Amino acid sequence: MHYNIMFLGPPSVGKTHLGTSLAYEALDKGYSVSFVTLDELIKQLKTAEISPASKRKINYYKKAHLIVIERWDFYQFQMQKRIYFLHLSVQCMRRHH
């Protein structure tokens, strides 16, 4: 079974702490974990077709059992950024099925 978990809320309520705690627990149980800010992830997604380094990073994220994405507000995304993010999400889910 696979899950997507989002911690939403105002600043300083513990979202990062929860994500980091899940990451440590996953690592303890032998799962692979990636931690990235949304800005960095979008930058990598936008440049993956022209930059070998970005493509390697995206492949690294796709192999992780858990990706913790920090500092984001999905509702403020521009449409193209939403498409990049959702495309990666679908690729990750397909890899784990």
Protein backbone atom coordinates (compact mmCIF):
# COMPACT_ATOMS: atom_id res chain seq x y z
CA MET A 1 0.00 0.00 0.00
CA HIS A 2 1.15 3.54 -0.78
CA TYR A 3 0.11 6.83 0.74
CA ASN A 4 0.50 10.52 0.11
CA ILE A 5 0.54 12.60 3.28
CA MET A 6 0.33 16.38 3.40
CA PHE A 7 0.82 18.43 6.55
CA LEU A 8 -0.95 21.74 6.06
CA GLY A 9 -1.19 24.63 8.46
CA PRO A 10 0.15 28.00 9.44
CA PRO A 11 3.83 28.57 10.21
CA SER A 12 5.35 27.12 13.40
CA VAL A 13 2.79 24.40 14.16
CA GLY A 14 5.14 21.43 13.63
CA LYS A 15 4.75 20.41 9.98
CA THR A 16 8.50 20.15 9.42
CA HIS A 17 8.92 18.25 12.68
CA LEU A 18 6.30 15.70 11.62
CA GLY A 19 7.87 15.24 8.18
CA THR A 20 11.35 14.87 9.65
CA SER A 21 10.07 12.38 12.23
CA LEU A 22 8.49 10.27 9.49
CA ALA A 23 11.75 10.40 7.55
CA TYR A 24 13.79 9.19 10.54
CA GLU A 25 11.30 6.40 11.21
CA ALA A 26 11.44 5.32 7.56
CA LEU A 27 15.25 5.33 7.61
CA ASP A 28 15.22 3.25 10.81
CA LYS A 29 13.06 0.68 9.05
CA GLY A 30 15.39 0.49 6.03
CA TYR A 31 13.49 2.69 3.59
CA SER A 32 15.22 5.27 1.41
CA VAL A 33 14.33 8.93 2.00
CA SER A 34 14.87 12.15 0.04
CA PHE A 35 14.41 15.61 1.54
CA VAL A 36 14.02 18.59 -0.80
CA THR A 37 12.45 22.04 -0.82
CA LEU A 38 9.69 22.62 -3.30
CA ASP A 39 11.64 25.38 -5.04
CA GLU A 40 14.60 23.03 -5.59
CA LEU A 41 12.33 20.22 -6.81
CA ILE A 42 10.56 22.47 -9.31
CA LYS A 43 13.92 23.78 -10.55
CA GLN A 44 15.11 20.20 -11.11
CA LEU A 45 11.86 19.21 -12.85
CA LYS A 46 11.98 22.23 -15.17
CA THR A 47 15.59 21.60 -16.22
CA ALA A 48 15.65 17.77 -16.26
CA GLU A 49 15.32 17.55 -20.06
CA ILE A 50 18.31 19.80 -20.71
CA SER A 51 20.52 19.18 -17.70
CA PRO A 52 22.05 15.76 -16.98
CA ALA A 53 22.60 16.78 -13.34
CA SER A 54 18.93 17.68 -12.90
CA LYS A 55 17.86 14.44 -14.56
CA ARG A 56 20.06 12.44 -12.15
CA LYS A 57 18.53 14.31 -9.20
CA ILE A 58 14.98 13.57 -10.40
CA ASN A 59 15.85 9.89 -10.85
CA TYR A 60 17.26 9.89 -7.32
CA TYR A 61 14.01 11.33 -5.96
CA LYS A 62 11.95 8.80 -7.93
CA LYS A 63 13.85 5.90 -6.38
CA ALA A 64 13.19 7.04 -2.82
CA HIS A 65 10.50 5.29 -0.82
CA LEU A 66 9.69 8.59 0.89
CA ILE A 67 10.15 12.14 -0.40
CA VAL A 68 9.75 14.92 2.14
CA ILE A 69 9.02 18.16 0.30
CA GLU A 70 9.48 21.23 2.45
CA ARG A 71 8.29 24.85 2.12
CA TRP A 72 5.36 24.77 -0.21
CA ASP A 73 1.84 25.99 -0.74
CA PHE A 74 0.20 24.04 -3.56
CA TYR A 75 -2.52 26.62 -4.05
CA GLN A 76 -0.01 29.32 -4.94
CA PHE A 77 1.62 27.23 -7.67
CA GLN A 78 1.50 28.45 -11.21
CA MET A 79 -0.20 25.92 -13.49
CA GLN A 80 3.06 24.74 -15.12
CA LYS A 81 4.63 24.08 -11.73
CA ARG A 82 1.58 22.02 -10.74
CA ILE A 83 1.99 19.94 -13.90
CA TYR A 84 5.69 19.25 -13.19
CA PHE A 85 4.93 18.26 -9.61
CA LEU A 86 1.97 16.01 -10.48
CA HIS A 87 3.99 14.35 -13.25
CA LEU A 88 6.71 13.40 -10.75
CA SER A 89 4.09 12.16 -8.28
CA VAL A 90 2.56 9.85 -10.88
CA GLN A 91 5.99 8.51 -11.89
CA CYS A 92 6.83 7.75 -8.27
CA MET A 93 3.54 5.96 -7.66
CA ARG A 94 3.96 3.83 -10.81
CA ARG A 95 7.48 2.83 -9.76
CA HIS A 96 6.24 1.47 -6.44
CA HIS A 97 3.39 -0.62 -7.91
